[in-house]
C-alpha atoms as a PDB file:
ATOM      1  CA  UNK A   1     -47.722 -33.016-106.102  1.00  0.00           C
ATOM      2  CA  UNK A   2     -45.364 -30.058-105.730  1.00  0.00           C
ATOM      3  CA  UNK A   3     -47.253 -28.983-102.609  1.00  0.00           C
ATOM      4  CA  UNK A   4     -46.837 -32.435-101.074  1.00  0.00           C
ATOM      5  CA  UNK A   5     -43.122 -32.416-101.854  1.00  0.00           C
ATOM      6  CA  UNK A   6     -42.704 -28.959-100.298  1.00  0.00           C
ATOM      7  CA  UNK A   7     -44.613 -30.080 -97.214  1.00  0.00           C
ATOM      8  CA  UNK A   8     -42.296 -33.069 -96.865  1.00  0.00           C
ATOM      9  CA  UNK A   9     -39.232 -30.832 -97.097  1.00  0.00           C
ATOM     10  CA  UNK A  10     -40.530 -28.550 -94.348  1.00  0.00           C
ATOM     11  CA  UNK A  11     -41.357 -31.490 -92.092  1.00  0.00           C
ATOM     12  CA  UNK A  12     -38.052 -33.196 -92.736  1.00  0.00           C
ATOM     13  CA  UNK A  13     -36.114 -30.013 -91.986  1.00  0.00           C
ATOM     14  CA  UNK A  14     -37.896 -29.763 -88.641  1.00  0.00           C
ATOM     15  CA  UNK A  15     -37.189 -33.403 -87.787  1.00  0.00           C
ATOM     16  CA  UNK A  16     -33.520 -33.104 -88.665  1.00  0.00           C
ATOM     17  CA  UNK A  17     -33.123 -30.092 -86.384  1.00  0.00           C
ATOM     18  CA  UNK A  18     -34.612 -31.762 -83.297  1.00  0.00           C
ATOM     19  CA  UNK A  19     -31.605 -33.918 -82.423  1.00  0.00           C
ATOM     20  CA  UNK A  20     -28.808 -31.585 -81.399  1.00  0.00           C
ATOM     21  CA  UNK A  21     -26.146 -34.296 -81.426  1.00  0.00           C
ATOM     22  CA  UNK A  22     -24.242 -34.094 -84.736  1.00  0.00           C
ATOM     23  CA  UNK A  23     -22.894 -37.051 -86.674  1.00  0.00           C
ATOM     24  CA  UNK A  24     -19.152 -37.604 -86.522  1.00  0.00           C
ATOM     25  CA  UNK A  25     -17.276 -37.343 -89.822  1.00  0.00           C
ATOM     26  CA  UNK A  26     -13.997 -38.790 -91.012  1.00  0.00           C
ATOM     27  CA  UNK A  27     -11.722 -37.487 -93.803  1.00  0.00           C
ATOM     28  CA  UNK A  28     -11.594 -40.845 -95.580  1.00  0.00           C
ATOM     29  CA  UNK A  29     -10.943 -39.233 -98.963  1.00  0.00           C
ATOM     30  CA  UNK A  30      -7.630 -37.792 -97.761  1.00  0.00           C
ATOM     31  CA  UNK A  31      -6.650 -40.771 -95.602  1.00  0.00           C
ATOM     32  CA  UNK A  32      -4.033 -42.477 -97.787  1.00  0.00           C
ATOM     33  CA  UNK A  33      -3.807 -45.472 -95.468  1.00  0.00           C
ATOM     34  CA  UNK A  34      -7.552 -46.040 -95.729  1.00  0.00           C
ATOM     35  CA  UNK A  35      -7.593 -45.575 -99.503  1.00  0.00           C
ATOM     36  CA  UNK A  36      -4.703 -48.004 -99.987  1.00  0.00           C
ATOM     37  CA  UNK A  37      -6.289 -50.627 -97.747  1.00  0.00           C
ATOM     38  CA  UNK A  38      -9.638 -50.199 -99.489  1.00  0.00           C
ATOM     39  CA  UNK A  39      -7.951 -50.681-102.866  1.00  0.00           C
ATOM     40  CA  UNK A  40      -6.213 -53.785-101.506  1.00  0.00           C
ATOM     41  CA  UNK A  41      -9.548 -55.286-100.461  1.00  0.00           C
ATOM     42  CA  UNK A  42     -11.091 -54.375-103.828  1.00  0.00           C
ATOM     43  CA  UNK A  43      -8.233 -56.032-105.715  1.00  0.00           C
ATOM     44  CA  UNK A  44      -8.626 -59.163-103.616  1.00  0.00           C
ATOM     45  CA  UNK A  45     -12.350 -59.200-104.353  1.00  0.00           C
ATOM     46  CA  UNK A  46     -11.841 -58.700-108.071  1.00  0.00           C
ATOM     47  CA  UNK A  47      -9.348 -61.560-108.120  1.00  0.00           C
ATOM     48  CA  UNK A  48     -11.555 -63.877-106.078  1.00  0.00           C
ATOM     49  CA  UNK A  49     -15.058 -62.514-105.451  1.00  0.00           C
ATOM     50  CA  UNK A  50     -16.397 -63.934-102.192  1.00  0.00           C
ATOM     51  CA  UNK A  51     -19.219 -62.957 -99.902  1.00  0.00           C
ATOM     52  CA  UNK A  52     -16.764 -62.687 -97.024  1.00  0.00           C
ATOM     53  CA  UNK A  53     -14.755 -60.011 -98.856  1.00  0.00           C
ATOM     54  CA  UNK A  54     -17.927 -58.069 -99.658  1.00  0.00           C
ATOM     55  CA  UNK A  55     -18.763 -58.036 -95.947  1.00  0.00           C
ATOM     56  CA  UNK A  56     -15.241 -56.897 -95.148  1.00  0.00           C
ATOM     57  CA  UNK A  57     -15.490 -54.055 -97.662  1.00  0.00           C
ATOM     58  CA  UNK A  58     -18.910 -52.985 -96.375  1.00  0.00           C
ATOM     59  CA  UNK A  59     -17.790 -52.985 -92.720  1.00  0.00           C
ATOM     60  CA  UNK A  60     -14.384 -51.410 -93.390  1.00  0.00           C
ATOM     61  CA  UNK A  61     -15.841 -48.491 -95.354  1.00  0.00           C
ATOM     62  CA  UNK A  62     -18.636 -48.079 -92.794  1.00  0.00           C
ATOM     63  CA  UNK A  63     -16.088 -47.836 -89.986  1.00  0.00           C
ATOM     64  CA  UNK A  64     -14.321 -45.025 -91.843  1.00  0.00           C
ATOM     65  CA  UNK A  65     -17.651 -43.305 -92.555  1.00  0.00           C
ATOM     66  CA  UNK A  66     -17.331 -43.791 -96.302  1.00  0.00           C
ATOM     67  CA  UNK A  67     -21.064 -44.246 -96.573  1.00  0.00           C
ATOM     68  CA  UNK A  68     -21.317 -44.473-100.361  1.00  0.00           C
ATOM     69  CA  UNK A  69     -18.829 -47.356-100.519  1.00  0.00           C
ATOM     70  CA  UNK A  70     -20.479 -49.113 -97.610  1.00  0.00           C
ATOM     71  CA  UNK A  71     -23.901 -48.825 -99.249  1.00  0.00           C
ATOM     72  CA  UNK A  72     -22.552 -50.269-102.488  1.00  0.00           C
ATOM     73  CA  UNK A  73     -20.840 -53.296-100.941  1.00  0.00           C
ATOM     74  CA  UNK A  74     -23.588 -54.010 -98.415  1.00  0.00           C
ATOM     75  CA  UNK A  75     -26.137 -54.058-101.238  1.00  0.00           C
ATOM     76  CA  UNK A  76     -23.981 -56.474-103.259  1.00  0.00           C
ATOM     77  CA  UNK A  77     -23.677 -58.744-100.222  1.00  0.00           C
ATOM     78  CA  UNK A  78     -27.451 -58.661 -99.721  1.00  0.00           C
ATOM     79  CA  UNK A  79     -28.005 -59.543-103.372  1.00  0.00           C
ATOM     80  CA  UNK A  80     -26.000 -62.711-102.777  1.00  0.00           C
ATOM     81  CA  UNK A  81     -27.334 -63.612 -99.325  1.00  0.00           C
ATOM     82  CA  UNK A  82     -29.746 -61.413 -97.378  1.00  0.00           C
ATOM     83  CA  UNK A  83     -29.253 -61.360 -93.608  1.00  0.00           C
ATOM     84  CA  UNK A  84     -30.506 -59.064 -90.851  1.00  0.00           C
ATOM     85  CA  UNK A  85     -26.987 -57.838 -90.129  1.00  0.00           C
ATOM     86  CA  UNK A  86     -26.355 -56.914 -93.771  1.00  0.00           C
ATOM     87  CA  UNK A  87     -29.680 -55.111 -94.055  1.00  0.00           C
ATOM     88  CA  UNK A  88     -28.946 -53.205 -90.863  1.00  0.00           C
ATOM     89  CA  UNK A  89     -25.516 -52.127 -92.100  1.00  0.00           C
ATOM     90  CA  UNK A  90     -27.063 -50.970 -95.370  1.00  0.00           C
ATOM     91  CA  UNK A  91     -29.781 -49.030 -93.553  1.00  0.00           C
ATOM     92  CA  UNK A  92     -27.273 -47.407 -91.220  1.00  0.00           C
ATOM     93  CA  UNK A  93     -24.938 -46.309 -94.017  1.00  0.00           C
ATOM     94  CA  UNK A  94     -27.843 -44.906 -96.024  1.00  0.00           C
ATOM     95  CA  UNK A  95     -29.264 -43.128 -92.984  1.00  0.00           C
ATOM     96  CA  UNK A  96     -25.977 -41.439 -92.120  1.00  0.00           C
ATOM     97  CA  UNK A  97     -25.455 -40.455 -95.743  1.00  0.00           C
ATOM     98  CA  UNK A  98     -28.937 -38.919 -95.827  1.00  0.00           C
ATOM     99  CA  UNK A  99     -27.907 -36.616 -92.980  1.00  0.00           C
ATOM    100  CA  UNK A 100     -24.794 -35.471 -94.848  1.00  0.00           C
ATOM    101  CA  UNK A 101     -26.335 -34.455 -98.146  1.00  0.00           C
ATOM    102  CA  UNK A 102     -28.835 -31.767 -99.044  1.00  0.00           C
ATOM    103  CA  UNK A 103     -32.480 -32.321 -98.188  1.00  0.00           C
ATOM    104  CA  UNK A 104     -33.335 -32.808-101.863  1.00  0.00           C
ATOM    105  CA  UNK A 105     -30.603 -35.426-102.318  1.00  0.00           C
ATOM    106  CA  UNK A 106     -31.524 -37.262 -99.116  1.00  0.00           C
ATOM    107  CA  UNK A 107     -34.639 -38.860-100.632  1.00  0.00           C
ATOM    108  CA  UNK A 108     -32.489 -41.395-102.471  1.00  0.00           C
ATOM    109  CA  UNK A 109     -30.939 -42.602 -99.225  1.00  0.00           C
ATOM    110  CA  UNK A 110     -34.176 -42.582 -97.244  1.00  0.00           C
ATOM    111  CA  UNK A 111     -35.621 -44.929 -99.855  1.00  0.00           C
ATOM    112  CA  UNK A 112     -32.731 -47.305 -99.151  1.00  0.00           C
ATOM    113  CA  UNK A 113     -32.682 -46.872 -95.375  1.00  0.00           C
ATOM    114  CA  UNK A 114     -36.319 -47.451 -94.486  1.00  0.00           C
ATOM    115  CA  UNK A 115     -36.884 -50.842 -96.196  1.00  0.00           C
ATOM    116  CA  UNK A 116     -33.435 -52.042 -95.084  1.00  0.00           C
ATOM    117  CA  UNK A 117     -34.224 -51.438 -91.411  1.00  0.00           C
ATOM    118  CA  UNK A 118     -37.632 -53.032 -91.854  1.00  0.00           C
ATOM    119  CA  UNK A 119     -36.056 -56.157 -93.344  1.00  0.00           C
ATOM    120  CA  UNK A 120     -33.521 -56.372 -90.520  1.00  0.00           C
ATOM    121  CA  UNK A 121     -36.309 -56.222 -87.928  1.00  0.00           C
ATOM    122  CA  UNK A 122     -38.424 -58.774 -89.782  1.00  0.00           C
ATOM    123  CA  UNK A 123     -35.538 -61.240 -89.868  1.00  0.00           C
ATOM    124  CA  UNK A 124     -34.608 -60.706 -86.200  1.00  0.00           C
ATOM    125  CA  UNK A 125     -37.770 -59.381 -84.542  1.00  0.00           C
ATOM    126  CA  UNK A 126     -36.335 -59.384 -81.010  1.00  0.00           C
ATOM    127  CA  UNK A 127     -33.035 -57.673 -81.763  1.00  0.00           C
ATOM    128  CA  UNK A 128     -33.035 -54.504 -79.632  1.00  0.00           C
ATOM    129  CA  UNK A 129     -30.613 -52.714 -81.945  1.00  0.00           C
ATOM    130  CA  UNK A 130     -32.877 -53.237 -84.939  1.00  0.00           C
ATOM    131  CA  UNK A 131     -36.008 -52.377 -82.986  1.00  0.00           C
ATOM    132  CA  UNK A 132     -34.526 -49.063 -81.820  1.00  0.00           C
ATOM    133  CA  UNK A 133     -33.493 -48.190 -85.366  1.00  0.00           C
ATOM    134  CA  UNK A 134     -37.046 -48.890 -86.526  1.00  0.00           C
ATOM    135  CA  UNK A 135     -38.462 -46.610 -83.827  1.00  0.00           C
ATOM    136  CA  UNK A 136     -36.140 -43.787 -84.845  1.00  0.00           C
ATOM    137  CA  UNK A 137     -37.163 -44.112 -88.494  1.00  0.00           C
ATOM    138  CA  UNK A 138     -40.889 -44.272 -87.745  1.00  0.00           C
ATOM    139  CA  UNK A 139     -40.650 -41.192 -85.515  1.00  0.00           C
ATOM    140  CA  UNK A 140     -38.382 -39.167 -87.806  1.00  0.00           C
ATOM    141  CA  UNK A 141     -40.153 -39.660 -91.123  1.00  0.00           C
ATOM    142  CA  UNK A 142     -43.419 -37.884 -91.938  1.00  0.00           C
ATOM    143  CA  UNK A 143     -46.436 -40.092 -92.609  1.00  0.00           C
ATOM    144  CA  UNK A 144     -46.096 -39.343 -96.330  1.00  0.00           C
ATOM    145  CA  UNK A 145     -42.963 -41.481 -96.308  1.00  0.00           C
ATOM    146  CA  UNK A 146     -44.176 -44.169 -93.942  1.00  0.00           C
ATOM    147  CA  UNK A 147     -43.543 -42.577 -90.584  1.00  0.00           C
ATOM    148  CA  UNK A 148     -45.989 -43.551 -87.858  1.00  0.00           C
ATOM    149  CA  UNK A 149     -46.080 -42.686 -84.156  1.00  0.00           C
ATOM    150  CA  UNK A 150     -48.605 -45.463 -83.596  1.00  0.00           C
ATOM    151  CA  UNK A 151     -46.311 -48.100 -85.121  1.00  0.00           C
ATOM    152  CA  UNK A 152     -43.336 -46.655 -83.239  1.00  0.00           C
ATOM    153  CA  UNK A 153     -45.259 -46.998 -79.967  1.00  0.00           C
ATOM    154  CA  UNK A 154     -46.029 -50.621 -80.782  1.00  0.00           C
ATOM    155  CA  UNK A 155     -42.321 -51.341 -81.284  1.00  0.00           C
ATOM    156  CA  UNK A 156     -41.471 -49.482 -78.065  1.00  0.00           C
ATOM    157  CA  UNK A 157     -43.967 -51.572 -76.092  1.00  0.00           C
ATOM    158  CA  UNK A 158     -42.170 -54.663 -77.341  1.00  0.00           C
ATOM    159  CA  UNK A 159     -38.764 -53.176 -76.457  1.00  0.00           C
ATOM    160  CA  UNK A 160     -39.821 -52.434 -72.882  1.00  0.00           C
ATOM    161  CA  UNK A 161     -40.626 -56.117 -72.378  1.00  0.00           C
ATOM    162  CA  UNK A 162     -37.289 -57.228 -73.856  1.00  0.00           C
ATOM    163  CA  UNK A 163     -35.052 -54.568 -72.293  1.00  0.00           C
ATOM    164  CA  UNK A 164     -36.732 -52.011 -70.006  1.00  0.00           C
ATOM    165  CA  UNK A 165     -33.835 -49.537 -70.155  1.00  0.00           C
ATOM    166  CA  UNK A 166     -33.716 -49.455 -73.942  1.00  0.00           C
ATOM    167  CA  UNK A 167     -37.490 -49.430 -74.199  1.00  0.00           C
ATOM    168  CA  UNK A 168     -37.910 -46.541 -71.786  1.00  0.00           C
ATOM    169  CA  UNK A 169     -35.145 -44.556 -73.504  1.00  0.00           C
ATOM    170  CA  UNK A 170     -36.966 -45.042 -76.804  1.00  0.00           C
ATOM    171  CA  UNK A 171     -40.232 -43.963 -75.163  1.00  0.00           C
ATOM    172  CA  UNK A 172     -38.631 -40.811 -73.794  1.00  0.00           C
ATOM    173  CA  UNK A 173     -37.120 -40.067 -77.185  1.00  0.00           C
ATOM    174  CA  UNK A 174     -40.564 -40.335 -78.778  1.00  0.00           C
ATOM    175  CA  UNK A 175     -41.938 -37.786 -76.307  1.00  0.00           C
ATOM    176  CA  UNK A 176     -38.951 -35.514 -76.871  1.00  0.00           C
ATOM    177  CA  UNK A 177     -39.551 -35.543 -80.606  1.00  0.00           C
ATOM    178  CA  UNK A 178     -43.145 -34.665 -79.927  1.00  0.00           C
ATOM    179  CA  UNK A 179     -42.029 -31.721 -77.755  1.00  0.00           C
ATOM    180  CA  UNK A 180     -43.702 -33.290 -74.707  1.00  0.00           C
ATOM    181  CA  UNK A 181     -40.770 -32.550 -72.397  1.00  0.00           C
ATOM    182  CA  UNK A 182     -42.693 -33.182 -69.178  1.00  0.00           C
ATOM    183  CA  UNK A 183     -43.626 -36.734 -70.147  1.00  0.00           C
ATOM    184  CA  UNK A 184     -40.133 -37.340 -71.521  1.00  0.00           C
ATOM    185  CA  UNK A 185     -38.605 -36.452 -68.160  1.00  0.00           C
ATOM    186  CA  UNK A 186     -41.080 -38.679 -66.327  1.00  0.00           C
ATOM    187  CA  UNK A 187     -40.031 -41.627 -68.495  1.00  0.00           C
ATOM    188  CA  UNK A 188     -36.328 -40.891 -68.106  1.00  0.00           C
ATOM    189  CA  UNK A 189     -36.830 -40.818 -64.343  1.00  0.00           C
ATOM    190  CA  UNK A 190     -38.231 -44.338 -64.680  1.00  0.00           C
ATOM    191  CA  UNK A 191     -34.943 -45.335 -66.337  1.00  0.00           C
ATOM    192  CA  UNK A 192     -32.991 -44.017 -63.344  1.00  0.00           C
ATOM    193  CA  UNK A 193     -35.360 -45.736 -60.909  1.00  0.00           C
ATOM    194  CA  UNK A 194     -34.943 -49.005 -62.786  1.00  0.00           C
ATOM    195  CA  UNK A 195     -31.155 -48.693 -62.692  1.00  0.00           C
ATOM    196  CA  UNK A 196     -31.243 -47.949 -58.972  1.00  0.00           C
ATOM    197  CA  UNK A 197     -33.467 -50.938 -58.255  1.00  0.00           C
ATOM    198  CA  UNK A 198     -31.729 -53.501 -60.473  1.00  0.00           C
ATOM    199  CA  UNK A 199     -28.061 -52.466 -60.505  1.00  0.00           C
ATOM    200  CA  UNK A 200     -27.775 -50.105 -57.549  1.00  0.00           C
ATOM    201  CA  UNK A 201     -24.686 -48.189 -58.631  1.00  0.00           C
ATOM    202  CA  UNK A 202     -22.011 -47.770 -61.266  1.00  0.00           C
ATOM    203  CA  UNK A 203     -20.530 -51.229 -60.836  1.00  0.00           C
ATOM    204  CA  UNK A 204     -19.157 -54.082 -62.916  1.00  0.00           C
ATOM    205  CA  UNK A 205     -22.649 -55.359 -63.713  1.00  0.00           C
ATOM    206  CA  UNK A 206     -23.605 -51.985 -65.184  1.00  0.00           C
ATOM    207  CA  UNK A 207     -20.420 -51.761 -67.259  1.00  0.00           C
ATOM    208  CA  UNK A 208     -21.014 -55.288 -68.559  1.00  0.00           C
ATOM    209  CA  UNK A 209     -24.552 -54.258 -69.498  1.00  0.00           C
ATOM    210  CA  UNK A 210     -23.187 -51.286 -71.451  1.00  0.00           C
ATOM    211  CA  UNK A 211     -20.647 -53.518 -73.203  1.00  0.00           C
ATOM    212  CA  UNK A 212     -23.369 -55.878 -74.417  1.00  0.00           C
ATOM    213  CA  UNK A 213     -25.831 -53.133 -75.379  1.00  0.00           C
ATOM    214  CA  UNK A 214     -26.314 -50.785 -78.309  1.00  0.00           C
ATOM    215  CA  UNK A 215     -23.142 -48.732 -78.582  1.00  0.00           C
ATOM    216  CA  UNK A 216     -24.822 -45.313 -78.245  1.00  0.00           C
ATOM    217  CA  UNK A 217     -26.810 -46.392 -75.182  1.00  0.00           C
ATOM    218  CA  UNK A 218     -24.047 -45.102 -72.884  1.00  0.00           C
ATOM    219  CA  UNK A 219     -24.009 -41.742 -74.654  1.00  0.00           C
ATOM    220  CA  UNK A 220     -27.804 -41.540 -74.592  1.00  0.00           C
ATOM    221  CA  UNK A 221     -27.879 -42.097 -70.838  1.00  0.00           C
ATOM    222  CA  UNK A 222     -25.304 -39.361 -70.333  1.00  0.00           C
ATOM    223  CA  UNK A 223     -27.087 -36.932 -72.627  1.00  0.00           C
ATOM    224  CA  UNK A 224     -30.454 -37.568 -70.979  1.00  0.00           C
ATOM    225  CA  UNK A 225     -29.134 -37.062 -67.448  1.00  0.00           C
ATOM    226  CA  UNK A 226     -27.479 -33.802 -68.545  1.00  0.00           C
ATOM    227  CA  UNK A 227     -30.488 -32.475 -70.453  1.00  0.00           C
ATOM    228  CA  UNK A 228     -33.073 -33.358 -67.819  1.00  0.00           C
ATOM    229  CA  UNK A 229     -31.028 -32.727 -64.673  1.00  0.00           C
ATOM    230  CA  UNK A 230     -31.237 -36.333 -63.486  1.00  0.00           C
ATOM    231  CA  UNK A 231     -28.949 -38.581 -61.447  1.00  0.00           C
ATOM    232  CA  UNK A 232     -25.386 -37.395 -62.027  1.00  0.00           C
ATOM    233  CA  UNK A 233     -23.657 -40.637 -61.070  1.00  0.00           C
ATOM    234  CA  UNK A 234     -25.364 -42.769 -63.731  1.00  0.00           C
ATOM    235  CA  UNK A 235     -24.659 -40.208 -66.450  1.00  0.00           C
ATOM    236  CA  UNK A 236     -21.063 -39.708 -65.318  1.00  0.00           C
ATOM    237  CA  UNK A 237     -20.463 -43.455 -65.281  1.00  0.00           C
ATOM    238  CA  UNK A 238     -22.026 -43.899 -68.728  1.00  0.00           C
ATOM    239  CA  UNK A 239     -20.050 -41.105 -70.384  1.00  0.00           C
ATOM    240  CA  UNK A 240     -16.841 -42.208 -68.658  1.00  0.00           C
ATOM    241  CA  UNK A 241     -17.296 -45.671 -70.166  1.00  0.00           C
ATOM    242  CA  UNK A 242     -18.166 -44.235 -73.583  1.00  0.00           C
ATOM    243  CA  UNK A 243     -15.111 -41.963 -73.609  1.00  0.00           C
ATOM    244  CA  UNK A 244     -12.711 -44.664 -72.419  1.00  0.00           C
ATOM    245  CA  UNK A 245     -13.854 -47.049 -75.167  1.00  0.00           C
ATOM    246  CA  UNK A 246     -14.248 -44.425 -77.912  1.00  0.00           C
ATOM    247  CA  UNK A 247     -13.056 -45.489 -81.349  1.00  0.00           C
ATOM    248  CA  UNK A 248     -13.167 -44.806 -85.064  1.00  0.00           C
ATOM    249  CA  UNK A 249     -16.469 -46.640 -85.434  1.00  0.00           C
ATOM    250  CA  UNK A 250     -18.313 -44.218 -83.173  1.00  0.00           C
ATOM    251  CA  UNK A 251     -20.701 -41.815 -84.873  1.00  0.00           C
ATOM    252  CA  UNK A 252     -21.029 -39.348 -81.981  1.00  0.00           C
ATOM    253  CA  UNK A 253     -18.213 -36.742 -82.149  1.00  0.00           C
ATOM    254  CA  UNK A 254     -15.853 -37.059 -79.184  1.00  0.00           C
ATOM    255  CA  UNK A 255     -16.061 -33.327 -78.540  1.00  0.00           C
ATOM    256  CA  UNK A 256     -19.810 -33.703 -78.117  1.00  0.00           C
ATOM    257  CA  UNK A 257     -19.269 -36.481 -75.573  1.00  0.00           C
ATOM    258  CA  UNK A 258     -17.095 -34.064 -73.572  1.00  0.00           C
ATOM    259  CA  UNK A 259     -19.703 -31.343 -73.971  1.00  0.00           C
ATOM    260  CA  UNK A 260     -22.442 -33.484 -72.430  1.00  0.00           C
ATOM    261  CA  UNK A 261     -20.069 -34.774 -69.767  1.00  0.00           C
ATOM    262  CA  UNK A 262     -19.032 -31.287 -68.652  1.00  0.00           C
ATOM    263  CA  UNK A 263     -22.655 -30.127 -68.570  1.00  0.00           C
ATOM    264  CA  UNK A 264     -23.413 -33.026 -66.279  1.00  0.00           C
ATOM    265  CA  UNK A 265     -20.408 -32.966 -63.944  1.00  0.00           C
ATOM    266  CA  UNK A 266     -20.563 -29.205 -63.377  1.00  0.00           C
ATOM    267  CA  UNK A 267     -23.909 -29.762 -61.630  1.00  0.00           C
ATOM    268  CA  UNK A 268     -22.241 -31.838 -58.939  1.00  0.00           C
ATOM    269  CA  UNK A 269     -19.947 -30.996 -56.030  1.00  0.00           C
ATOM    270  CA  UNK A 270     -16.858 -32.960 -57.060  1.00  0.00           C
ATOM    271  CA  UNK A 271     -14.560 -30.095 -58.103  1.00  0.00           C
ATOM    272  CA  UNK A 272     -11.529 -32.334 -58.594  1.00  0.00           C
ATOM    273  CA  UNK A 273     -13.537 -34.486 -61.020  1.00  0.00           C
ATOM    274  CA  UNK A 274     -14.501 -31.328 -62.878  1.00  0.00           C
ATOM    275  CA  UNK A 275     -10.904 -30.092 -63.049  1.00  0.00           C
ATOM    276  CA  UNK A 276      -9.724 -33.450 -64.359  1.00  0.00           C
ATOM    277  CA  UNK A 277     -12.374 -33.421 -67.089  1.00  0.00           C
ATOM    278  CA  UNK A 278     -11.594 -29.842 -68.115  1.00  0.00           C
ATOM    279  CA  UNK A 279      -7.908 -30.750 -68.482  1.00  0.00           C
ATOM    280  CA  UNK A 280      -8.970 -33.375 -71.027  1.00  0.00           C
ATOM    281  CA  UNK A 281     -11.095 -31.037 -73.093  1.00  0.00           C
ATOM    282  CA  UNK A 282      -8.976 -27.860 -73.148  1.00  0.00           C
ATOM    283  CA  UNK A 283      -7.094 -29.046 -76.282  1.00  0.00           C
ATOM    284  CA  UNK A 284     -10.438 -29.369 -78.063  1.00  0.00           C
ATOM    285  CA  UNK A 285     -12.247 -26.225 -76.920  1.00  0.00           C
ATOM    286  CA  UNK A 286     -11.056 -23.893 -79.691  1.00  0.00           C
ATOM    287  CA  UNK A 287     -12.414 -26.315 -82.282  1.00  0.00           C
ATOM    288  CA  UNK A 288     -15.805 -26.423 -80.604  1.00  0.00           C
ATOM    289  CA  UNK A 289     -17.278 -23.025 -79.570  1.00  0.00           C
ATOM    290  CA  UNK A 290     -19.973 -24.537 -77.331  1.00  0.00           C
ATOM    291  CA  UNK A 291     -17.320 -26.345 -75.342  1.00  0.00           C
ATOM    292  CA  UNK A 292     -15.248 -23.190 -74.991  1.00  0.00           C
ATOM    293  CA  UNK A 293     -18.279 -21.224 -73.781  1.00  0.00           C
ATOM    294  CA  UNK A 294     -19.197 -23.936 -71.304  1.00  0.00           C
ATOM    295  CA  UNK A 295     -15.697 -23.960 -69.806  1.00  0.00           C
ATOM    296  CA  UNK A 296     -15.813 -20.180 -69.431  1.00  0.00           C
ATOM    297  CA  UNK A 297     -19.109 -20.484 -67.526  1.00  0.00           C
ATOM    298  CA  UNK A 298     -17.644 -22.892 -64.953  1.00  0.00           C
ATOM    299  CA  UNK A 299     -16.215 -21.204 -61.858  1.00  0.00           C
ATOM    300  CA  UNK A 300     -13.612 -23.400 -60.204  1.00  0.00           C
END
């Protein structure tokens, strides 16, 4: 049994290191405004416990990245009335918390996350957001804990039929996790081809698609085009939208958005665009060594 546990730890450490994008944090413990508002909601709930207030508490704490509180209130809401949305919130909070704690402590949260995402998908089997979350879990976890590339592929096949862009991005991600970079790039090229054929350019239709889609889709498109040296315009458009609509709820650090954006734009010929972007990120560079190094490498 000890050998199996050690094997899991080694596998999980490898999986966690594959995605270079970190998770954004928020100092909710020292945010007096947040703490006071949270206490206000708690007092209201204690005075008149309603399902609506539980949902408010779960969403409010999730937005401020107070994962433990969000897990607690989401679970209480589920106990009263299970819904796909509540299960998904619970799974997300538990998943993010698992990435914050030590590997040994993360087991507790994985055991919450996995069944929660499964329930969400079962209740809304054609929800792209839930399907993508299920793929990520099945790919990330070792088979000892229920991970399965075969099951992930089955979900991806379904996603491609429902939303080709999301499905192909999930397919490429699966290949990336499997270190098959050549096949990953081939799939990501299919995403660009599909965008060219269906939307043509960075236009209102594309922005409306991003608005209606999974929040991190815009970031994923930008990251993929930067990593795999693909079409600059689609990546630039995606990251521009993501940055302009960035908010507290986002779980990708804003500095990382700028990092991917600079990597992408520096490959193009628009020097004024590059200068404009650098002016935005200079205040952040000292807090983010990779960004500082990247700026130093760019010759204007």
